[in-house]
């Protein structure tokens, strides 16, 4: 749930700063900045809490720690890709694929009630924000594909 709060707060702050500095409201830029900040925050979690992150993955997944670290680097790259206009579209497509790939780990974590920060099985068990991120990226991609 923390990433959702980071996303919303970052969006609000970016939205206001863009208005003050540029004189206009820009939802798309604020959304890209907010998503980038959220991805950087979640990437930090991959490196700070690798034990808990590996506990999120289904048992059949091999090389869990390596995948956790790799996905942290993927999130950093995606954060950069979203703020660069030349890579924004491709990054959005790849993020949709990435979020779909990590969805089983988030479902597994919800079922097992993983608290990834503590590395225990006594968490809340609900993790809905990832589906919101997938839907947000699909909507963003749809908007990016519309002709001007």
C-alpha atoms as a PDB file:
ATOM      1  CA  UNK A   1       0.000   0.000   0.000  1.00  0.00           C
ATOM      2  CA  UNK A   2       2.957   2.315   0.574  1.00  0.00           C
ATOM      3  CA  UNK A   3       3.767   2.500  -3.155  1.00  0.00           C
ATOM      4  CA  UNK A   4       0.225   3.700  -3.844  1.00  0.00           C
ATOM      5  CA  UNK A   5       0.622   6.520  -1.316  1.00  0.00           C
ATOM      6  CA  UNK A   6       3.981   7.450  -2.845  1.00  0.00           C
ATOM      7  CA  UNK A   7       2.381   7.467  -6.294  1.00  0.00           C
ATOM      8  CA  UNK A   8      -0.533   9.673  -5.244  1.00  0.00           C
ATOM      9  CA  UNK A   9       1.558  12.113  -3.203  1.00  0.00           C
ATOM     10  CA  UNK A  10       4.176  12.357  -5.963  1.00  0.00           C
ATOM     11  CA  UNK A  11       1.486  12.982  -8.535  1.00  0.00           C
ATOM     12  CA  UNK A  12      -0.054  15.799  -6.504  1.00  0.00           C
ATOM     13  CA  UNK A  13       3.286  17.467  -5.840  1.00  0.00           C
ATOM     14  CA  UNK A  14       4.485  17.103  -9.457  1.00  0.00           C
ATOM     15  CA  UNK A  15       1.145  18.351 -10.761  1.00  0.00           C
ATOM     16  CA  UNK A  16       1.354  21.528  -8.672  1.00  0.00           C
ATOM     17  CA  UNK A  17       5.046  22.143  -9.438  1.00  0.00           C
ATOM     18  CA  UNK A  18       4.394  21.770 -13.177  1.00  0.00           C
ATOM     19  CA  UNK A  19       1.527  24.266 -12.933  1.00  0.00           C
ATOM     20  CA  UNK A  20       3.594  26.776 -10.963  1.00  0.00           C
ATOM     21  CA  UNK A  21       6.706  26.462 -13.143  1.00  0.00           C
ATOM     22  CA  UNK A  22       5.052  26.041 -16.533  1.00  0.00           C
ATOM     23  CA  UNK A  23       1.787  27.885 -16.100  1.00  0.00           C
ATOM     24  CA  UNK A  24      -0.416  24.977 -17.190  1.00  0.00           C
ATOM     25  CA  UNK A  25      -1.805  21.713 -15.809  1.00  0.00           C
ATOM     26  CA  UNK A  26      -0.109  18.638 -17.275  1.00  0.00           C
ATOM     27  CA  UNK A  27      -1.580  15.331 -16.136  1.00  0.00           C
ATOM     28  CA  UNK A  28       0.668  13.210 -18.355  1.00  0.00           C
ATOM     29  CA  UNK A  29       3.963  14.699 -17.173  1.00  0.00           C
ATOM     30  CA  UNK A  30       2.844  14.599 -13.542  1.00  0.00           C
ATOM     31  CA  UNK A  31       1.818  10.946 -13.989  1.00  0.00           C
ATOM     32  CA  UNK A  32       5.144  10.013 -15.544  1.00  0.00           C
ATOM     33  CA  UNK A  33       7.090  11.750 -12.791  1.00  0.00           C
ATOM     34  CA  UNK A  34       4.926  10.142 -10.088  1.00  0.00           C
ATOM     35  CA  UNK A  35       5.245   6.678 -11.593  1.00  0.00           C
ATOM     36  CA  UNK A  36       9.020   7.145 -11.862  1.00  0.00           C
ATOM     37  CA  UNK A  37       9.274   8.141  -8.207  1.00  0.00           C
ATOM     38  CA  UNK A  38       7.116   5.183  -7.170  1.00  0.00           C
ATOM     39  CA  UNK A  39       9.284   2.806  -9.208  1.00  0.00           C
ATOM     40  CA  UNK A  40      12.446   4.185  -7.588  1.00  0.00           C
ATOM     41  CA  UNK A  41      10.944   3.731  -4.122  1.00  0.00           C
ATOM     42  CA  UNK A  42       9.890   0.151  -4.865  1.00  0.00           C
ATOM     43  CA  UNK A  43      13.298  -0.570  -6.432  1.00  0.00           C
ATOM     44  CA  UNK A  44      14.945   0.473  -3.175  1.00  0.00           C
ATOM     45  CA  UNK A  45      12.758  -2.125  -1.433  1.00  0.00           C
ATOM     46  CA  UNK A  46      14.228  -4.838  -3.652  1.00  0.00           C
ATOM     47  CA  UNK A  47      17.701  -4.043  -2.350  1.00  0.00           C
ATOM     48  CA  UNK A  48      16.761  -3.303   1.277  1.00  0.00           C
ATOM     49  CA  UNK A  49      14.445  -6.281   1.794  1.00  0.00           C
ATOM     50  CA  UNK A  50      15.607  -9.098  -0.513  1.00  0.00           C
ATOM     51  CA  UNK A  51      14.644 -11.834   1.985  1.00  0.00           C
ATOM     52  CA  UNK A  52      11.042 -10.640   2.206  1.00  0.00           C
ATOM     53  CA  UNK A  53      10.858 -10.082  -1.539  1.00  0.00           C
ATOM     54  CA  UNK A  54      11.997 -13.644  -2.218  1.00  0.00           C
ATOM     55  CA  UNK A  55       9.285 -14.895   0.181  1.00  0.00           C
ATOM     56  CA  UNK A  56       6.703 -13.283  -2.111  1.00  0.00           C
ATOM     57  CA  UNK A  57       7.570 -15.561  -5.030  1.00  0.00           C
ATOM     58  CA  UNK A  58       5.820 -18.864  -5.682  1.00  0.00           C
ATOM     59  CA  UNK A  59       7.861 -21.898  -4.601  1.00  0.00           C
ATOM     60  CA  UNK A  60       8.429 -23.066  -8.199  1.00  0.00           C
ATOM     61  CA  UNK A  61      10.418 -19.957  -9.143  1.00  0.00           C
ATOM     62  CA  UNK A  62      14.189 -20.581  -9.246  1.00  0.00           C
ATOM     63  CA  UNK A  63      16.923 -18.003  -8.553  1.00  0.00           C
ATOM     64  CA  UNK A  64      14.649 -15.947  -6.336  1.00  0.00           C
ATOM     65  CA  UNK A  65      17.235 -13.548  -4.904  1.00  0.00           C
ATOM     66  CA  UNK A  66      18.756 -12.924  -8.315  1.00  0.00           C
ATOM     67  CA  UNK A  67      15.311 -12.184  -9.753  1.00  0.00           C
ATOM     68  CA  UNK A  68      14.541  -9.786  -6.902  1.00  0.00           C
ATOM     69  CA  UNK A  69      17.746  -7.849  -7.538  1.00  0.00           C
ATOM     70  CA  UNK A  70      17.242  -7.927 -11.308  1.00  0.00           C
ATOM     71  CA  UNK A  71      13.682  -6.641 -10.991  1.00  0.00           C
ATOM     72  CA  UNK A  72      14.974  -3.813  -8.801  1.00  0.00           C
ATOM     73  CA  UNK A  73      17.303  -2.760 -11.624  1.00  0.00           C
ATOM     74  CA  UNK A  74      14.430  -3.114 -14.109  1.00  0.00           C
ATOM     75  CA  UNK A  75      12.351  -0.723 -12.002  1.00  0.00           C
ATOM     76  CA  UNK A  76      15.196   1.810 -11.931  1.00  0.00           C
ATOM     77  CA  UNK A  77      15.545   1.591 -15.713  1.00  0.00           C
ATOM     78  CA  UNK A  78      11.783   1.979 -16.121  1.00  0.00           C
ATOM     79  CA  UNK A  79      11.792   5.046 -13.868  1.00  0.00           C
ATOM     80  CA  UNK A  80      14.374   6.639 -16.139  1.00  0.00           C
ATOM     81  CA  UNK A  81      12.563   5.509 -19.286  1.00  0.00           C
ATOM     82  CA  UNK A  82       9.287   7.122 -18.233  1.00  0.00           C
ATOM     83  CA  UNK A  83      10.768  10.591 -17.870  1.00  0.00           C
ATOM     84  CA  UNK A  84      12.542  10.538 -21.227  1.00  0.00           C
ATOM     85  CA  UNK A  85      10.125  11.366 -24.021  1.00  0.00           C
ATOM     86  CA  UNK A  86      12.075   9.267 -26.554  1.00  0.00           C
ATOM     87  CA  UNK A  87      11.658   6.072 -24.491  1.00  0.00           C
ATOM     88  CA  UNK A  88       8.330   6.710 -22.738  1.00  0.00           C
ATOM     89  CA  UNK A  89       6.161   4.678 -25.110  1.00  0.00           C
ATOM     90  CA  UNK A  90       8.440   1.625 -25.174  1.00  0.00           C
ATOM     91  CA  UNK A  91       8.877   1.842 -21.399  1.00  0.00           C
ATOM     92  CA  UNK A  92       5.093   1.858 -20.939  1.00  0.00           C
ATOM     93  CA  UNK A  93       4.716  -1.292 -23.036  1.00  0.00           C
ATOM     94  CA  UNK A  94       7.545  -3.037 -21.193  1.00  0.00           C
ATOM     95  CA  UNK A  95       6.132  -1.974 -17.799  1.00  0.00           C
ATOM     96  CA  UNK A  96       2.798  -3.576 -18.643  1.00  0.00           C
ATOM     97  CA  UNK A  97       4.609  -6.819 -19.452  1.00  0.00           C
ATOM     98  CA  UNK A  98       6.769  -6.501 -16.327  1.00  0.00           C
ATOM     99  CA  UNK A  99       3.777  -5.871 -14.045  1.00  0.00           C
ATOM    100  CA  UNK A 100       1.959  -8.857 -15.512  1.00  0.00           C
ATOM    101  CA  UNK A 101       5.064 -11.020 -14.948  1.00  0.00           C
ATOM    102  CA  UNK A 102       5.367 -10.020 -11.293  1.00  0.00           C
ATOM    103  CA  UNK A 103       1.636 -10.297 -10.603  1.00  0.00           C
ATOM    104  CA  UNK A 104       1.902 -13.977  -9.495  1.00  0.00           C
ATOM    105  CA  UNK A 105       4.435 -12.977  -6.829  1.00  0.00           C
ATOM    106  CA  UNK A 106       2.108 -10.280  -5.532  1.00  0.00           C
ATOM    107  CA  UNK A 107      -0.863 -12.662  -5.497  1.00  0.00           C
ATOM    108  CA  UNK A 108       1.269 -15.263  -3.704  1.00  0.00           C
ATOM    109  CA  UNK A 109       2.383 -12.631  -1.172  1.00  0.00           C
ATOM    110  CA  UNK A 110      -1.242 -11.669  -0.535  1.00  0.00           C
ATOM    111  CA  UNK A 111      -2.255 -15.295  -0.030  1.00  0.00           C
ATOM    112  CA  UNK A 112       0.706 -16.067   2.246  1.00  0.00           C
ATOM    113  CA  UNK A 113       0.404 -12.698   4.039  1.00  0.00           C
ATOM    114  CA  UNK A 114       4.053 -11.864   3.432  1.00  0.00           C
ATOM    115  CA  UNK A 115       5.413  -8.819   5.203  1.00  0.00           C
ATOM    116  CA  UNK A 116       8.376  -8.211   2.910  1.00  0.00           C
ATOM    117  CA  UNK A 117       9.926  -5.556   5.166  1.00  0.00           C
ATOM    118  CA  UNK A 118      10.094  -7.907   8.160  1.00  0.00           C
ATOM    119  CA  UNK A 119      10.583 -11.085   6.120  1.00  0.00           C
ATOM    120  CA  UNK A 120       7.687 -12.805   7.906  1.00  0.00           C
ATOM    121  CA  UNK A 121       4.300 -14.317   7.102  1.00  0.00           C
ATOM    122  CA  UNK A 122       2.274 -12.001   9.342  1.00  0.00           C
ATOM    123  CA  UNK A 123       1.471  -9.218   6.870  1.00  0.00           C
ATOM    124  CA  UNK A 124      -1.931  -7.871   5.889  1.00  0.00           C
ATOM    125  CA  UNK A 125      -2.321 -10.161   2.919  1.00  0.00           C
ATOM    126  CA  UNK A 126      -3.828  -7.605   0.546  1.00  0.00           C
ATOM    127  CA  UNK A 127      -1.857  -6.079  -2.310  1.00  0.00           C
ATOM    128  CA  UNK A 128      -4.156  -4.541  -4.909  1.00  0.00           C
ATOM    129  CA  UNK A 129      -2.037  -1.647  -6.105  1.00  0.00           C
ATOM    130  CA  UNK A 130      -0.198  -3.729  -8.719  1.00  0.00           C
ATOM    131  CA  UNK A 131      -3.371  -4.298 -10.757  1.00  0.00           C
ATOM    132  CA  UNK A 132      -3.966  -0.552 -10.597  1.00  0.00           C
ATOM    133  CA  UNK A 133      -0.460  -0.007 -11.971  1.00  0.00           C
ATOM    134  CA  UNK A 134      -1.132  -2.406 -14.867  1.00  0.00           C
ATOM    135  CA  UNK A 135      -4.416  -0.666 -15.698  1.00  0.00           C
ATOM    136  CA  UNK A 136      -2.823   2.787 -15.366  1.00  0.00           C
ATOM    137  CA  UNK A 137      -0.070   1.832 -17.829  1.00  0.00           C
ATOM    138  CA  UNK A 138      -2.544   0.372 -20.309  1.00  0.00           C
ATOM    139  CA  UNK A 139      -4.567   3.600 -20.165  1.00  0.00           C
ATOM    140  CA  UNK A 140      -1.402   5.686 -20.497  1.00  0.00           C
ATOM    141  CA  UNK A 141      -0.259   3.623 -23.468  1.00  0.00           C
ATOM    142  CA  UNK A 142      -3.676   4.073 -25.063  1.00  0.00           C
ATOM    143  CA  UNK A 143      -3.398   7.858 -24.606  1.00  0.00           C
ATOM    144  CA  UNK A 144       0.152   7.886 -26.007  1.00  0.00           C
ATOM    145  CA  UNK A 145      -1.045   6.120 -29.156  1.00  0.00           C
ATOM    146  CA  UNK A 146      -3.768   8.662 -29.928  1.00  0.00           C
ATOM    147  CA  UNK A 147      -2.882  11.051 -32.751  1.00  0.00           C
ATOM    148  CA  UNK A 148      -2.419  14.710 -31.754  1.00  0.00           C
END
